[in-house]
């Protein structure tokens, strides 16, 4: 049976990659993690988790604001 490659890093809208990269850099700056363009494999799990957590927090806040605006 052939293996199917399910790459979870693929974006549904390829043009969104640049916006997500900017969003990630902004979130990283907010939590004091220095990211560089490209590979950031030297980050600790704690640093990577802080960046991801900040991104989720900002997405939830944006969703809540959007729902509140709808009434």
PDB file of N, CA and C in Angstrom:
ATOM      1  N   UNK A   1       0.848  -1.179   0.000  1.00  0.00           N
ATOM      2  CA  UNK A   1       0.000   0.000   0.000  1.00  0.00           C
ATOM      3  C   UNK A   1       0.889   1.235   0.000  1.00  0.00           C
ATOM      4  N   UNK A   2       0.629   2.161  -0.889  1.00  0.00           N
ATOM      5  CA  UNK A   2       1.429   3.373  -1.021  1.00  0.00           C
ATOM      6  C   UNK A   2       1.122   4.330   0.124  1.00  0.00           C
ATOM      7  N   UNK A   3       2.151   5.002   0.590  1.00  0.00           N
ATOM      8  CA  UNK A   3       2.005   5.979   1.670  1.00  0.00           C
ATOM      9  C   UNK A   3       1.514   7.296   1.100  1.00  0.00           C
ATOM     10  N   UNK A   4       0.543   7.883   1.745  1.00  0.00           N
ATOM     11  CA  UNK A   4      -0.005   9.174   1.310  1.00  0.00           C
ATOM     12  C   UNK A   4       0.651  10.266   2.142  1.00  0.00           C
ATOM     13  N   UNK A   5       1.196  11.276   1.492  1.00  0.00           N
ATOM     14  CA  UNK A   5       1.863  12.376   2.182  1.00  0.00           C
ATOM     15  C   UNK A   5       0.848  13.454   2.518  1.00  0.00           C
ATOM     16  N   UNK A   6       0.508  13.586   3.788  1.00  0.00           N
ATOM     17  CA  UNK A   6      -0.400  14.634   4.258  1.00  0.00           C
ATOM     18  C   UNK A   6       0.428  15.692   4.962  1.00  0.00           C
ATOM     19  N   UNK A   7       0.854  16.701   4.228  1.00  0.00           N
ATOM     20  CA  UNK A   7       1.671  17.760   4.793  1.00  0.00           C
ATOM     21  C   UNK A   7       0.763  18.782   5.462  1.00  0.00           C
ATOM     22  N   UNK A   8       0.807  18.849   6.786  1.00  0.00           N
ATOM     23  CA  UNK A   8      -0.058  19.772   7.519  1.00  0.00           C
ATOM     24  C   UNK A   8       0.413  21.221   7.402  1.00  0.00           C
ATOM     25  N   UNK A   9       1.577  21.440   6.806  1.00  0.00           N
ATOM     26  CA  UNK A   9       2.088  22.804   6.665  1.00  0.00           C
ATOM     27  C   UNK A   9       1.611  23.496   5.402  1.00  0.00           C
ATOM     28  N   UNK A  10       0.828  22.814   4.580  1.00  0.00           N
ATOM     29  CA  UNK A  10       0.329  23.434   3.363  1.00  0.00           C
ATOM     30  C   UNK A  10      -0.845  24.352   3.694  1.00  0.00           C
ATOM     31  N   UNK A  11      -0.823  25.520   3.092  1.00  0.00           N
ATOM     32  CA  UNK A  11      -1.893  26.489   3.295  1.00  0.00           C
ATOM     33  C   UNK A  11      -2.997  26.252   2.278  1.00  0.00           C
ATOM     34  N   UNK A  12      -4.231  26.441   2.695  1.00  0.00           N
ATOM     35  CA  UNK A  12      -5.357  26.324   1.772  1.00  0.00           C
ATOM     36  C   UNK A  12      -5.280  27.419   0.718  1.00  0.00           C
ATOM     37  N   UNK A  13      -4.800  28.593   1.121  1.00  0.00           N
ATOM     38  CA  UNK A  13      -4.611  29.717   0.200  1.00  0.00           C
ATOM     39  C   UNK A  13      -3.117  30.050   0.208  1.00  0.00           C
ATOM     40  N   UNK A  14      -2.389  29.640  -0.825  1.00  0.00           N
ATOM     41  CA  UNK A  14      -0.924  29.825  -0.821  1.00  0.00           C
ATOM     42  C   UNK A  14      -0.487  31.263  -0.574  1.00  0.00           C
ATOM     43  N   UNK A  15      -1.265  32.237  -1.005  1.00  0.00           N
ATOM     44  CA  UNK A  15      -0.911  33.643  -0.809  1.00  0.00           C
ATOM     45  C   UNK A  15      -0.928  34.035   0.667  1.00  0.00           C
ATOM     46  N   UNK A  16      -1.541  33.224   1.500  1.00  0.00           N
ATOM     47  CA  UNK A  16      -1.632  33.541   2.925  1.00  0.00           C
ATOM     48  C   UNK A  16      -0.313  33.299   3.658  1.00  0.00           C
ATOM     49  N   UNK A  17       0.638  32.614   3.047  1.00  0.00           N
ATOM     50  CA  UNK A  17       1.914  32.289   3.701  1.00  0.00           C
ATOM     51  C   UNK A  17       2.618  33.545   4.211  1.00  0.00           C
ATOM     52  N   UNK A  18       2.725  34.581   3.389  1.00  0.00           N
ATOM     53  CA  UNK A  18       3.426  35.807   3.794  1.00  0.00           C
ATOM     54  C   UNK A  18       2.715  36.468   4.973  1.00  0.00           C
ATOM     55  N   UNK A  19       1.392  36.506   4.943  1.00  0.00           N
ATOM     56  CA  UNK A  19       0.640  37.114   6.044  1.00  0.00           C
ATOM     57  C   UNK A  19       0.837  36.314   7.327  1.00  0.00           C
ATOM     58  N   UNK A  20       0.839  34.993   7.233  1.00  0.00           N
ATOM     59  CA  UNK A  20       1.044  34.160   8.427  1.00  0.00           C
ATOM     60  C   UNK A  20       2.463  34.334   8.970  1.00  0.00           C
ATOM     61  N   UNK A  21       3.435  34.475   8.089  1.00  0.00           N
ATOM     62  CA  UNK A  21       4.808  34.705   8.539  1.00  0.00           C
ATOM     63  C   UNK A  21       4.919  36.029   9.283  1.00  0.00           C
ATOM     64  N   UNK A  22       4.263  37.093   8.757  1.00  0.00           N
ATOM     65  CA  UNK A  22       4.269  38.385   9.452  1.00  0.00           C
ATOM     66  C   UNK A  22       3.585  38.268  10.809  1.00  0.00           C
ATOM     67  N   UNK A  23       2.461  37.551  10.840  1.00  0.00           N
ATOM     68  CA  UNK A  23       1.709  37.345  12.080  1.00  0.00           C
ATOM     69  C   UNK A  23       2.569  36.611  13.107  1.00  0.00           C
ATOM     70  N   UNK A  24       3.292  35.590  12.660  1.00  0.00           N
ATOM     71  CA  UNK A  24       4.163  34.821  13.556  1.00  0.00           C
ATOM     72  C   UNK A  24       5.279  35.702  14.110  1.00  0.00           C
ATOM     73  N   UNK A  25       5.882  36.532  13.247  1.00  0.00           N
ATOM     74  CA  UNK A  25       6.959  37.423  13.693  1.00  0.00           C
ATOM     75  C   UNK A  25       6.444  38.434  14.716  1.00  0.00           C
ATOM     76  N   UNK A  26       5.244  38.953  14.481  1.00  0.00           N
ATOM     77  CA  UNK A  26       4.626  39.904  15.410  1.00  0.00           C
ATOM     78  C   UNK A  26       4.365  39.237  16.763  1.00  0.00           C
ATOM     79  N   UNK A  27       3.819  38.043  16.742  1.00  0.00           N
ATOM     80  CA  UNK A  27       3.540  37.312  17.983  1.00  0.00           C
ATOM     81  C   UNK A  27       4.837  37.003  18.719  1.00  0.00           C
ATOM     82  N   UNK A  28       5.864  36.628  17.994  1.00  0.00           N
ATOM     83  CA  UNK A  28       7.157  36.322  18.608  1.00  0.00           C
ATOM     84  C   UNK A  28       7.741  37.552  19.290  1.00  0.00           C
ATOM     85  N   UNK A  29       7.655  38.691  18.625  1.00  0.00           N
ATOM     86  CA  UNK A  29       8.169  39.929  19.209  1.00  0.00           C
ATOM     87  C   UNK A  29       7.418  40.279  20.489  1.00  0.00           C
ATOM     88  N   UNK A  30       6.108  40.027  20.506  1.00  0.00           N
ATOM     89  CA  UNK A  30       5.293  40.342  21.680  1.00  0.00           C
ATOM     90  C   UNK A  30       5.666  39.509  22.894  1.00  0.00           C
ATOM     91  N   UNK A  31       6.157  38.300  22.675  1.00  0.00           N
ATOM     92  CA  UNK A  31       6.540  37.444  23.813  1.00  0.00           C
ATOM     93  C   UNK A  31       8.057  37.409  24.013  1.00  0.00           C
ATOM     94  N   UNK A  32       8.782  38.256  23.266  1.00  0.00           N
ATOM     95  CA  UNK A  32      10.225  38.373  23.462  1.00  0.00           C
ATOM     96  C   UNK A  32      11.062  37.260  22.876  1.00  0.00           C
ATOM     97  N   UNK A  33      10.574  36.617  21.821  1.00  0.00           N
ATOM     98  CA  UNK A  33      11.335  35.558  21.153  1.00  0.00           C
ATOM     99  C   UNK A  33      11.846  36.118  19.829  1.00  0.00           C
ATOM    100  N   UNK A  34      13.142  36.010  19.604  1.00  0.00           N
ATOM    101  CA  UNK A  34      13.732  36.497  18.362  1.00  0.00           C
ATOM    102  C   UNK A  34      13.671  35.406  17.308  1.00  0.00           C
ATOM    103  N   UNK A  35      12.822  35.615  16.302  1.00  0.00           N
ATOM    104  CA  UNK A  35      12.736  34.692  15.175  1.00  0.00           C
ATOM    105  C   UNK A  35      13.507  35.285  14.019  1.00  0.00           C
ATOM    106  N   UNK A  36      14.015  34.413  13.178  1.00  0.00           N
ATOM    107  CA  UNK A  36      14.638  34.860  11.933  1.00  0.00           C
ATOM    108  C   UNK A  36      13.862  34.250  10.786  1.00  0.00           C
ATOM    109  N   UNK A  37      14.006  34.826   9.603  1.00  0.00           N
ATOM    110  CA  UNK A  37      13.355  34.258   8.426  1.00  0.00           C
ATOM    111  C   UNK A  37      13.920  32.866   8.193  1.00  0.00           C
ATOM    112  N   UNK A  38      13.047  31.958   7.837  1.00  0.00           N
ATOM    113  CA  UNK A  38      13.489  30.597   7.555  1.00  0.00           C
ATOM    114  C   UNK A  38      13.420  29.699   8.776  1.00  0.00           C
ATOM    115  N   UNK A  39      14.354  28.783   8.858  1.00  0.00           N
ATOM    116  CA  UNK A  39      14.365  27.749   9.881  1.00  0.00           C
ATOM    117  C   UNK A  39      14.766  28.314  11.245  1.00  0.00           C
ATOM    118  N   UNK A  40      14.016  27.962  12.277  1.00  0.00           N
ATOM    119  CA  UNK A  40      14.293  28.407  13.644  1.00  0.00           C
ATOM    120  C   UNK A  40      14.417  27.208  14.585  1.00  0.00           C
ATOM    121  N   UNK A  41      15.137  26.195  14.153  1.00  0.00           N
ATOM    122  CA  UNK A  41      15.258  24.957  14.905  1.00  0.00           C
ATOM    123  C   UNK A  41      15.987  25.075  16.226  1.00  0.00           C
ATOM    124  N   UNK A  42      16.659  26.185  16.450  1.00  0.00           N
ATOM    125  CA  UNK A  42      17.386  26.357  17.708  1.00  0.00           C
ATOM    126  C   UNK A  42      16.484  26.827  18.851  1.00  0.00           C
ATOM    127  N   UNK A  43      15.226  27.125  18.557  1.00  0.00           N
ATOM    128  CA  UNK A  43      14.297  27.551  19.608  1.00  0.00           C
ATOM    129  C   UNK A  43      14.037  26.418  20.586  1.00  0.00           C
ATOM    130  N   UNK A  44      13.865  26.775  21.835  1.00  0.00           N
ATOM    131  CA  UNK A  44      13.458  25.774  22.815  1.00  0.00           C
ATOM    132  C   UNK A  44      11.970  25.490  22.642  1.00  0.00           C
ATOM    133  N   UNK A  45      11.526  24.398  23.201  1.00  0.00           N
ATOM    134  CA  UNK A  45      10.094  24.077  23.149  1.00  0.00           C
ATOM    135  C   UNK A  45       9.286  25.165  23.825  1.00  0.00           C
ATOM    136  N   UNK A  46       9.816  25.705  24.908  1.00  0.00           N
ATOM    137  CA  UNK A  46       9.122  26.772  25.629  1.00  0.00           C
ATOM    138  C   UNK A  46       8.951  28.007  24.753  1.00  0.00           C
ATOM    139  N   UNK A  47      10.002  28.398  24.022  1.00  0.00           N
ATOM    140  CA  UNK A  47       9.925  29.559  23.145  1.00  0.00           C
ATOM    141  C   UNK A  47       8.923  29.331  22.014  1.00  0.00           C
ATOM    142  N   UNK A  48       9.023  28.165  21.377  1.00  0.00           N
ATOM    143  CA  UNK A  48       8.101  27.859  20.277  1.00  0.00           C
ATOM    144  C   UNK A  48       6.659  27.830  20.781  1.00  0.00           C
ATOM    145  N   UNK A  49       6.445  27.261  21.960  1.00  0.00           N
ATOM    146  CA  UNK A  49       5.108  27.208  22.544  1.00  0.00           C
ATOM    147  C   UNK A  49       4.583  28.588  22.881  1.00  0.00           C
ATOM    148  N   UNK A  50       5.473  29.468  23.332  1.00  0.00           N
ATOM    149  CA  UNK A  50       5.065  30.843  23.639  1.00  0.00           C
ATOM    150  C   UNK A  50       4.593  31.566  22.385  1.00  0.00           C
ATOM    151  N   UNK A  51       5.303  31.367  21.300  1.00  0.00           N
ATOM    152  CA  UNK A  51       4.924  32.011  20.034  1.00  0.00           C
ATOM    153  C   UNK A  51       3.577  31.452  19.565  1.00  0.00           C
ATOM    154  N   UNK A  52       3.451  30.134  19.549  1.00  0.00           N
ATOM    155  CA  UNK A  52       2.195  29.515  19.115  1.00  0.00           C
ATOM    156  C   UNK A  52       1.035  29.913  20.006  1.00  0.00           C
ATOM    157  N   UNK A  53       1.269  29.945  21.297  1.00  0.00           N
ATOM    158  CA  UNK A  53       0.218  30.333  22.230  1.00  0.00           C
ATOM    159  C   UNK A  53      -0.230  31.771  22.026  1.00  0.00           C
ATOM    160  N   UNK A  54       0.727  32.649  21.761  1.00  0.00           N
ATOM    161  CA  UNK A  54       0.394  34.062  21.502  1.00  0.00           C
ATOM    162  C   UNK A  54      -0.411  34.188  20.217  1.00  0.00           C
ATOM    163  N   UNK A  55      -0.055  33.398  19.212  1.00  0.00           N
ATOM    164  CA  UNK A  55      -0.800  33.433  17.952  1.00  0.00           C
ATOM    165  C   UNK A  55      -2.245  32.995  18.173  1.00  0.00           C
ATOM    166  N   UNK A  56      -2.437  31.917  18.925  1.00  0.00           N
ATOM    167  CA  UNK A  56      -3.793  31.430  19.205  1.00  0.00           C
ATOM    168  C   UNK A  56      -4.569  32.473  19.999  1.00  0.00           C
ATOM    169  N   UNK A  57      -3.924  33.063  20.997  1.00  0.00           N
ATOM    170  CA  UNK A  57      -4.582  34.088  21.809  1.00  0.00           C
ATOM    171  C   UNK A  57      -5.080  35.237  20.937  1.00  0.00           C
ATOM    172  N   UNK A  58      -4.232  35.705  20.012  1.00  0.00           N
ATOM    173  CA  UNK A  58      -4.614  36.808  19.138  1.00  0.00           C
ATOM    174  C   UNK A  58      -5.737  36.398  18.183  1.00  0.00           C
ATOM    175  N   UNK A  59      -5.713  35.148  17.704  1.00  0.00           N
ATOM    176  CA  UNK A  59      -6.775  34.681  16.809  1.00  0.00           C
ATOM    177  C   UNK A  59      -8.111  34.589  17.541  1.00  0.00           C
ATOM    178  N   UNK A  60      -8.090  34.113  18.783  1.00  0.00           N
ATOM    179  CA  UNK A  60      -9.317  34.025  19.572  1.00  0.00           C
ATOM    180  C   UNK A  60      -9.864  35.424  19.843  1.00  0.00           C
ATOM    181  N   UNK A  61      -8.985  36.359  20.198  1.00  0.00           N
ATOM    182  CA  UNK A  61      -9.421  37.731  20.436  1.00  0.00           C
ATOM    183  C   UNK A  61     -10.061  38.329  19.187  1.00  0.00           C
ATOM    184  N   UNK A  62      -9.458  38.095  18.027  1.00  0.00           N
ATOM    185  CA  UNK A  62     -10.013  38.621  16.767  1.00  0.00           C
ATOM    186  C   UNK A  62     -11.371  38.001  16.486  1.00  0.00           C
ATOM    187  N   UNK A  63     -11.508  36.717  16.737  1.00  0.00           N
ATOM    188  CA  UNK A  63     -12.792  36.034  16.522  1.00  0.00           C
ATOM    189  C   UNK A  63     -13.859  36.597  17.448  1.00  0.00           C
ATOM    190  N   UNK A  64     -13.493  36.798  18.713  1.00  0.00           N
ATOM    191  CA  UNK A  64     -14.458  37.324  19.683  1.00  0.00           C
ATOM    192  C   UNK A  64     -14.901  38.739  19.288  1.00  0.00           C
ATOM    193  N   UNK A  65     -13.965  39.558  18.831  1.00  0.00           N
ATOM    194  CA  UNK A  65     -14.305  40.911  18.400  1.00  0.00           C
ATOM    195  C   UNK A  65     -15.227  40.873  17.189  1.00  0.00           C
ATOM    196  N   UNK A  66     -14.964  39.954  16.284  1.00  0.00           N
ATOM    197  CA  UNK A  66     -15.786  39.808  15.095  1.00  0.00           C
ATOM    198  C   UNK A  66     -17.200  39.389  15.481  1.00  0.00           C
ATOM    199  N   UNK A  67     -17.309  38.455  16.408  1.00  0.00           N
ATOM    200  CA  UNK A  67     -18.637  37.989  16.842  1.00  0.00           C
ATOM    201  C   UNK A  67     -19.384  39.096  17.592  1.00  0.00           C
ATOM    202  N   UNK A  68     -18.690  39.869  18.403  1.00  0.00           N
ATOM    203  CA  UNK A  68     -19.314  40.968  19.136  1.00  0.00           C
ATOM    204  C   UNK A  68     -19.822  42.037  18.159  1.00  0.00           C
ATOM    205  N   UNK A  69     -19.086  42.280  17.092  1.00  0.00           N
ATOM    206  CA  UNK A  69     -19.475  43.286  16.111  1.00  0.00           C
ATOM    207  C   UNK A  69     -20.719  42.855  15.340  1.00  0.00           C
ATOM    208  N   UNK A  70     -20.918  41.565  15.213  1.00  0.00           N
ATOM    209  CA  UNK A  70     -22.091  41.054  14.506  1.00  0.00           C
ATOM    210  C   UNK A  70     -23.356  41.205  15.337  1.00  0.00           C
ATOM    211  N   UNK A  71     -23.179  41.336  16.638  1.00  0.00           N
ATOM    212  CA  UNK A  71     -24.316  41.573  17.511  1.00  0.00           C
ATOM    213  C   UNK A  71     -24.910  40.360  18.015  1.00  0.00           C
TER     214      UNK A  71
END
